[in-house]
N, C-alpha and C. Protein backbone atom coordinates (compact mmCIF):
# COMPACT_ATOMS: atom_id res chain seq x y z
N MET A 1 0.56 -1.06 -0.36
CA MET A 1 -0.48 0.21 -0.06
C MET A 1 1.32 1.21 -0.28
N ALA A 2 0.44 2.42 -1.28
CA ALA A 2 1.63 3.50 -0.61
C ALA A 2 1.65 4.21 0.27
N GLY A 3 2.14 4.55 0.55
CA GLY A 3 2.29 5.69 1.82
C GLY A 3 2.16 4.94 3.19
N GLN A 4 2.25 3.46 3.07
CA GLN A 4 2.04 3.15 4.12
C GLN A 4 3.22 1.95 4.52
N GLN A 5 4.04 1.57 6.02
CA GLN A 5 5.22 1.09 6.14
C GLN A 5 4.57 -0.07 7.27
N ARG A 6 5.56 -1.05 7.06
CA ARG A 6 4.54 -2.31 7.62
C ARG A 6 5.93 -2.15 8.73
N ILE A 7 5.63 -2.42 9.79
CA ILE A 7 6.78 -2.42 11.24
C ILE A 7 6.96 -4.28 11.65
N SER A 8 8.22 -4.51 11.22
CA SER A 8 8.50 -5.83 11.41
C SER A 8 8.39 -6.30 12.90
N SER A 9 9.01 -5.57 13.74
CA SER A 9 9.41 -5.45 15.59
C SER A 9 8.61 -4.59 16.08
N VAL A 10 8.29 -4.89 17.40
CA VAL A 10 8.03 -4.36 18.21
C VAL A 10 8.80 -4.53 19.66
N ASP A 11 9.60 -3.26 20.05
CA ASP A 11 10.17 -3.64 21.16
C ASP A 11 9.39 -2.89 22.70
N VAL A 12 9.16 -3.99 23.65
CA VAL A 12 8.60 -3.62 24.79
C VAL A 12 9.16 -3.82 25.87
N ASP A 13 9.38 -2.69 26.95
CA ASP A 13 9.79 -3.41 28.26
C ASP A 13 8.73 -3.57 29.35
N ASP A 14 8.95 -4.74 29.66
CA ASP A 14 7.47 -5.49 30.26
C ASP A 14 8.71 -6.51 31.37
N ARG A 15 9.30 -6.00 31.67
CA ARG A 15 10.14 -6.82 32.72
C ARG A 15 9.97 -6.59 34.43
N ASP A 16 8.97 -5.02 34.72
CA ASP A 16 8.14 -5.47 35.71
C ASP A 16 7.29 -6.58 35.90
N PHE A 17 6.51 -6.42 34.49
CA PHE A 17 5.69 -6.98 34.86
C PHE A 17 5.84 -8.89 34.90
N VAL A 18 6.70 -8.93 33.84
CA VAL A 18 7.11 -10.32 34.08
C VAL A 18 8.09 -10.93 35.28
N ALA A 19 8.50 -9.83 36.42
CA ALA A 19 9.24 -10.53 36.99
C ALA A 19 7.66 -10.65 38.21
N GLY A 20 7.09 -9.48 38.77
CA GLY A 20 5.67 -9.65 39.07
C GLY A 20 5.53 -11.14 38.98
N LEU A 21 4.69 -11.35 37.61
CA LEU A 21 4.45 -12.50 37.29
C LEU A 21 4.79 -14.07 37.96
N GLN A 22 6.31 -13.98 37.45
CA GLN A 22 7.29 -14.78 38.13
C GLN A 22 7.06 -14.85 39.76
N ARG A 23 7.21 -13.61 40.64
CA ARG A 23 7.22 -13.88 42.09
C ARG A 23 5.88 -14.53 42.37
N ALA A 24 4.85 -13.98 42.08
CA ALA A 24 3.55 -14.58 41.86
C ALA A 24 3.06 -16.19 41.52
N VAL A 25 3.46 -16.68 40.88
CA VAL A 25 3.55 -18.41 40.07
C VAL A 25 4.07 -19.24 40.86
N GLY A 26 5.95 -18.24 41.83
CA GLY A 26 6.50 -18.96 42.65
C GLY A 26 5.40 -19.21 43.95
N GLN A 27 4.43 -18.03 44.35
CA GLN A 27 3.83 -18.47 45.05
C GLN A 27 2.87 -19.42 45.55
N LEU A 28 2.58 -19.74 44.47
CA LEU A 28 1.43 -20.89 44.38
C LEU A 28 2.38 -22.20 44.38
N LYS A 29 0.89 -23.25 44.99
CA LYS A 29 1.66 -24.12 45.21
C LYS A 29 0.69 -25.35 44.25
N LEU A 30 2.25 -25.33 42.86
CA LEU A 30 1.55 -26.37 41.81
C LEU A 30 2.63 -27.25 41.94
N GLU A 31 1.62 -28.61 42.45
CA GLU A 31 2.40 -29.73 43.06
C GLU A 31 2.92 -30.52 42.09
N THR A 32 1.95 -30.68 40.80
CA THR A 32 2.01 -31.43 39.33
C THR A 32 1.47 -30.80 38.23
N GLU A 33 1.92 -31.64 37.04
CA GLU A 33 1.78 -30.76 35.74
C GLU A 33 0.72 -30.84 35.22
N ALA A 34 -0.30 -30.82 35.78
CA ALA A 34 -1.83 -30.90 35.75
C ALA A 34 -1.92 -29.77 36.64
N ASP A 35 -1.87 -29.38 37.90
CA ASP A 35 -1.87 -28.20 38.39
C ASP A 35 -1.14 -26.94 37.28
N LEU A 36 -0.03 -26.85 36.79
CA LEU A 36 0.05 -26.12 35.68
C LEU A 36 -0.58 -25.75 34.64
N LEU A 37 -1.47 -26.51 33.68
CA LEU A 37 -1.54 -27.28 32.66
C LEU A 37 -3.18 -26.49 33.03
N THR A 38 -4.06 -26.86 34.24
CA THR A 38 -4.81 -25.99 35.16
C THR A 38 -4.84 -24.46 35.12
N LEU A 39 -3.98 -24.27 35.59
CA LEU A 39 -3.89 -22.81 35.45
C LEU A 39 -2.99 -22.34 33.83
N GLY A 40 -2.87 -23.08 32.91
CA GLY A 40 -2.67 -22.52 31.89
C GLY A 40 -4.05 -21.86 30.96
N HIS A 41 -4.87 -23.48 31.06
CA HIS A 41 -5.92 -23.24 30.66
C HIS A 41 -7.03 -22.20 31.42
N ARG A 42 -7.11 -21.73 32.74
CA ARG A 42 -7.51 -20.76 32.89
C ARG A 42 -7.02 -19.13 32.29
N ALA A 43 -5.55 -19.15 32.66
CA ALA A 43 -5.01 -18.29 31.34
C ALA A 43 -5.80 -17.86 30.16
N VAL A 44 -5.95 -19.29 29.15
CA VAL A 44 -6.29 -19.43 28.04
C VAL A 44 -8.06 -18.60 28.02
N ARG A 45 -8.90 -19.24 28.64
CA ARG A 45 -10.08 -18.80 29.23
C ARG A 45 -10.18 -17.43 29.21
N ASN A 46 -9.82 -16.44 30.17
CA ASN A 46 -9.23 -15.52 31.08
C ASN A 46 -9.13 -14.34 29.20
N MET A 47 -7.70 -15.05 28.90
CA MET A 47 -7.35 -14.11 27.47
C MET A 47 -8.95 -13.98 26.45
N ARG A 48 -8.92 -15.22 26.13
CA ARG A 48 -10.24 -15.68 25.19
C ARG A 48 -11.19 -14.15 25.47
N GLN A 49 -11.54 -14.17 26.80
CA GLN A 49 -12.79 -13.54 27.13
C GLN A 49 -12.47 -12.10 26.76
N LEU A 50 -11.29 -11.46 27.44
CA LEU A 50 -10.65 -9.93 27.62
C LEU A 50 -10.46 -9.80 25.84
N CYS A 51 -9.89 -10.49 24.91
CA CYS A 51 -9.51 -10.40 23.68
C CYS A 51 -10.09 -9.46 22.39
N PRO A 52 -10.39 -8.61 22.28
CA PRO A 52 -10.87 -7.40 21.14
C PRO A 52 -11.13 -8.43 20.04
N VAL A 53 -12.45 -8.54 19.29
CA VAL A 53 -12.65 -9.52 18.35
C VAL A 53 -12.99 -8.31 17.25
N ASP A 54 -12.37 -8.75 15.97
CA ASP A 54 -12.82 -8.15 15.11
C ASP A 54 -13.56 -9.76 13.84
N THR A 55 -12.56 -10.09 13.51
CA THR A 55 -12.75 -11.59 12.55
C THR A 55 -13.13 -12.97 13.63
N GLY A 56 -12.52 -12.79 14.62
CA GLY A 56 -11.97 -13.38 15.92
C GLY A 56 -10.80 -14.56 16.07
N ARG A 57 -10.12 -14.76 14.39
CA ARG A 57 -9.01 -15.08 14.53
C ARG A 57 -8.36 -14.74 15.59
N LEU A 58 -7.48 -14.04 16.07
CA LEU A 58 -6.93 -13.39 17.38
C LEU A 58 -7.54 -14.32 18.43
N ARG A 59 -8.34 -13.96 19.22
CA ARG A 59 -9.34 -15.27 20.09
C ARG A 59 -9.06 -16.45 19.99
N ASN A 60 -9.26 -16.56 18.21
CA ASN A 60 -9.07 -18.25 18.03
C ASN A 60 -7.67 -19.03 18.22
N SER A 61 -6.83 -17.97 17.94
CA SER A 61 -5.72 -18.72 18.09
C SER A 61 -4.59 -18.38 19.63
N ILE A 62 -5.65 -18.50 20.22
CA ILE A 62 -4.89 -18.00 21.92
C ILE A 62 -4.82 -19.45 22.22
N GLY A 63 -3.86 -20.36 22.91
CA GLY A 63 -3.67 -21.14 23.34
C GLY A 63 -2.34 -21.68 24.50
N VAL A 64 -2.46 -23.14 24.91
CA VAL A 64 -1.49 -23.50 25.86
C VAL A 64 -0.70 -24.86 25.41
N THR A 65 0.69 -24.56 25.55
CA THR A 65 1.03 -26.33 25.41
C THR A 65 2.00 -25.92 26.55
N VAL A 66 2.37 -27.35 26.63
CA VAL A 66 3.18 -28.14 27.94
C VAL A 66 4.52 -28.18 27.65
N GLY A 67 5.73 -28.29 27.92
CA GLY A 67 7.00 -28.45 27.31
C GLY A 67 7.48 -28.98 28.73
N HIS A 68 8.93 -29.11 28.71
CA HIS A 68 9.88 -29.94 29.54
C HIS A 68 11.10 -29.57 29.18
N ASP A 69 11.77 -29.04 30.03
CA ASP A 69 13.07 -28.41 29.80
C ASP A 69 14.13 -29.17 31.32
N SER A 70 15.57 -28.71 31.22
CA SER A 70 16.09 -28.87 32.27
C SER A 70 15.62 -28.95 33.69
N ARG A 71 14.69 -27.46 34.02
CA ARG A 71 14.06 -27.43 35.05
C ARG A 71 12.62 -28.65 35.78
N GLY A 72 12.13 -28.78 34.30
CA GLY A 72 10.77 -29.15 34.47
C GLY A 72 9.84 -28.81 33.73
N PRO A 73 8.89 -29.30 33.49
CA PRO A 73 7.57 -28.87 32.82
C PRO A 73 7.59 -27.50 33.26
N TYR A 74 6.51 -26.67 31.81
CA TYR A 74 6.75 -25.52 31.86
C TYR A 74 5.18 -25.50 30.76
N ILE A 75 4.60 -23.73 30.47
CA ILE A 75 3.83 -23.81 29.86
C ILE A 75 3.92 -22.73 29.13
N ASP A 76 3.65 -22.73 27.60
CA ASP A 76 3.61 -21.20 26.88
C ASP A 76 2.18 -21.18 26.55
N VAL A 77 2.01 -20.17 27.06
CA VAL A 77 0.02 -19.47 26.94
C VAL A 77 0.82 -18.03 25.56
N GLY A 78 -0.29 -18.11 25.08
CA GLY A 78 -0.86 -17.08 24.15
C GLY A 78 -1.08 -16.79 22.62
N THR A 79 -0.21 -16.20 21.83
CA THR A 79 -0.48 -16.32 20.80
C THR A 79 0.80 -16.21 20.39
N ASP A 80 0.53 -16.51 18.81
CA ASP A 80 1.86 -16.23 17.73
C ASP A 80 1.70 -15.57 16.60
N LEU A 81 0.63 -14.80 16.59
CA LEU A 81 -0.31 -13.65 15.54
C LEU A 81 0.84 -12.18 15.49
N ASP A 82 1.37 -12.17 14.46
CA ASP A 82 1.77 -10.91 14.30
C ASP A 82 1.14 -9.67 14.91
N TYR A 83 0.26 -9.44 14.13
CA TYR A 83 -0.70 -8.73 15.04
C TYR A 83 -1.14 -8.61 16.80
N ALA A 84 -0.61 -9.26 17.39
CA ALA A 84 -1.12 -9.88 19.02
C ALA A 84 -0.57 -8.73 19.46
N PRO A 85 1.19 -8.27 19.51
CA PRO A 85 1.60 -7.29 20.46
C PRO A 85 0.96 -5.81 20.29
N PRO A 86 0.79 -5.84 19.18
CA PRO A 86 0.07 -4.19 18.71
C PRO A 86 -1.32 -3.88 19.52
N VAL A 87 -1.81 -5.07 19.39
CA VAL A 87 -3.57 -4.97 19.89
C VAL A 87 -3.04 -5.03 21.62
N GLU A 88 -2.28 -5.78 22.35
CA GLU A 88 -1.36 -6.02 23.47
C GLU A 88 -1.26 -4.47 23.84
N TYR A 89 -0.33 -4.12 23.00
CA TYR A 89 0.30 -2.76 23.96
C TYR A 89 -0.14 -1.23 23.29
N GLY A 90 -1.05 -1.54 22.19
CA GLY A 90 -1.08 -0.52 21.56
C GLY A 90 -0.41 0.22 20.60
N THR A 91 -0.58 1.24 19.77
CA THR A 91 -0.06 1.72 18.53
C THR A 91 -0.44 3.71 19.23
N SER A 92 0.47 4.16 18.28
CA SER A 92 0.61 5.42 18.29
C SER A 92 -1.20 5.86 17.27
N VAL A 93 -2.12 5.06 17.04
CA VAL A 93 -3.04 5.33 16.30
C VAL A 93 -4.21 4.22 17.29
N MET A 94 -3.71 3.69 17.87
CA MET A 94 -4.82 2.33 18.71
C MET A 94 -4.49 1.84 20.41
N ALA A 95 -5.77 2.34 20.73
CA ALA A 95 -4.89 2.14 22.15
C ALA A 95 -4.80 1.10 22.49
N ALA A 96 -3.66 0.12 23.83
CA ALA A 96 -3.38 -0.92 24.19
C ALA A 96 -5.12 -1.53 24.57
N GLN A 97 -5.09 -2.66 24.40
CA GLN A 97 -6.00 -3.82 24.29
C GLN A 97 -5.26 -4.82 25.32
N PRO A 98 -4.88 -4.69 26.48
CA PRO A 98 -4.14 -5.60 27.24
C PRO A 98 -4.78 -7.09 27.75
N PHE A 99 -4.98 -7.69 26.87
CA PHE A 99 -5.95 -9.00 27.06
C PHE A 99 -4.68 -10.05 27.52
N VAL A 100 -3.21 -10.42 27.08
CA VAL A 100 -2.79 -11.48 27.86
C VAL A 100 -2.22 -11.05 29.28
N ARG A 101 -1.48 -10.03 29.07
CA ARG A 101 -1.11 -9.60 30.33
C ARG A 101 -2.42 -9.56 31.77
N THR A 102 -3.42 -9.25 31.40
CA THR A 102 -4.34 -9.33 31.77
C THR A 102 -5.12 -10.53 32.59
N GLY A 103 -5.36 -11.10 31.24
CA GLY A 103 -5.67 -12.98 31.69
C GLY A 103 -5.02 -13.61 32.27
N LEU A 104 -3.43 -13.08 32.00
CA LEU A 104 -2.21 -14.20 32.83
C LEU A 104 -2.28 -13.96 34.40
N ALA A 105 -2.47 -12.39 34.49
CA ALA A 105 -2.82 -12.07 35.78
C ALA A 105 -3.26 -12.42 36.73
N GLU A 106 -5.03 -12.16 36.07
CA GLU A 106 -6.46 -12.71 36.95
C GLU A 106 -5.99 -14.41 37.45
N ALA A 107 -5.73 -15.16 36.20
CA ALA A 107 -5.41 -16.38 36.65
C ALA A 107 -4.45 -16.59 37.54
N VAL A 108 -3.48 -15.93 37.60
CA VAL A 108 -2.84 -16.15 38.58
C VAL A 108 -2.63 -15.68 39.93
N ARG A 109 -3.52 -14.96 40.46
CA ARG A 109 -4.32 -14.27 41.17
C ARG A 109 -5.33 -15.28 41.94
N ALA A 110 -5.85 -15.75 40.53
CA ALA A 110 -7.20 -16.88 41.32
C ALA A 110 -6.33 -17.85 41.65
N GLY A 111 -5.39 -18.59 41.03
CA GLY A 111 -4.99 -19.53 41.51
C GLY A 111 -5.19 -21.12 41.09
N LEU A 112 -5.25 -21.42 42.02
CA LEU A 112 -6.15 -22.96 41.52
C LEU A 112 -7.85 -23.24 42.19
N ARG A 113 -7.92 -22.05 42.75
CA ARG A 113 -9.27 -22.54 43.93
C ARG A 113 -10.29 -22.80 42.46
């Protein structure tokens, strides 16, 4: 499109959010991989409820996967769509709609109850 440029990456400083989330998760009593997955599914549900919807593609792309590394099991929660960060963090022409951060925070706050 003439006169428009596509931004290929966005740098966001979310270190404070990530550090706070890690502290909060560390306080949860996640005793099994099933507990971790329960938390992930709760986060996905929250994110989908908070996600702004135009076509539904973004909302439908939100998911959870389980992995294992040298420290044990972990989950990845979120979406890999390239337009998710501008929706989450906003742009110069669009206000932020933080469905990922808010959904994660609400899931961690609720814990496993």
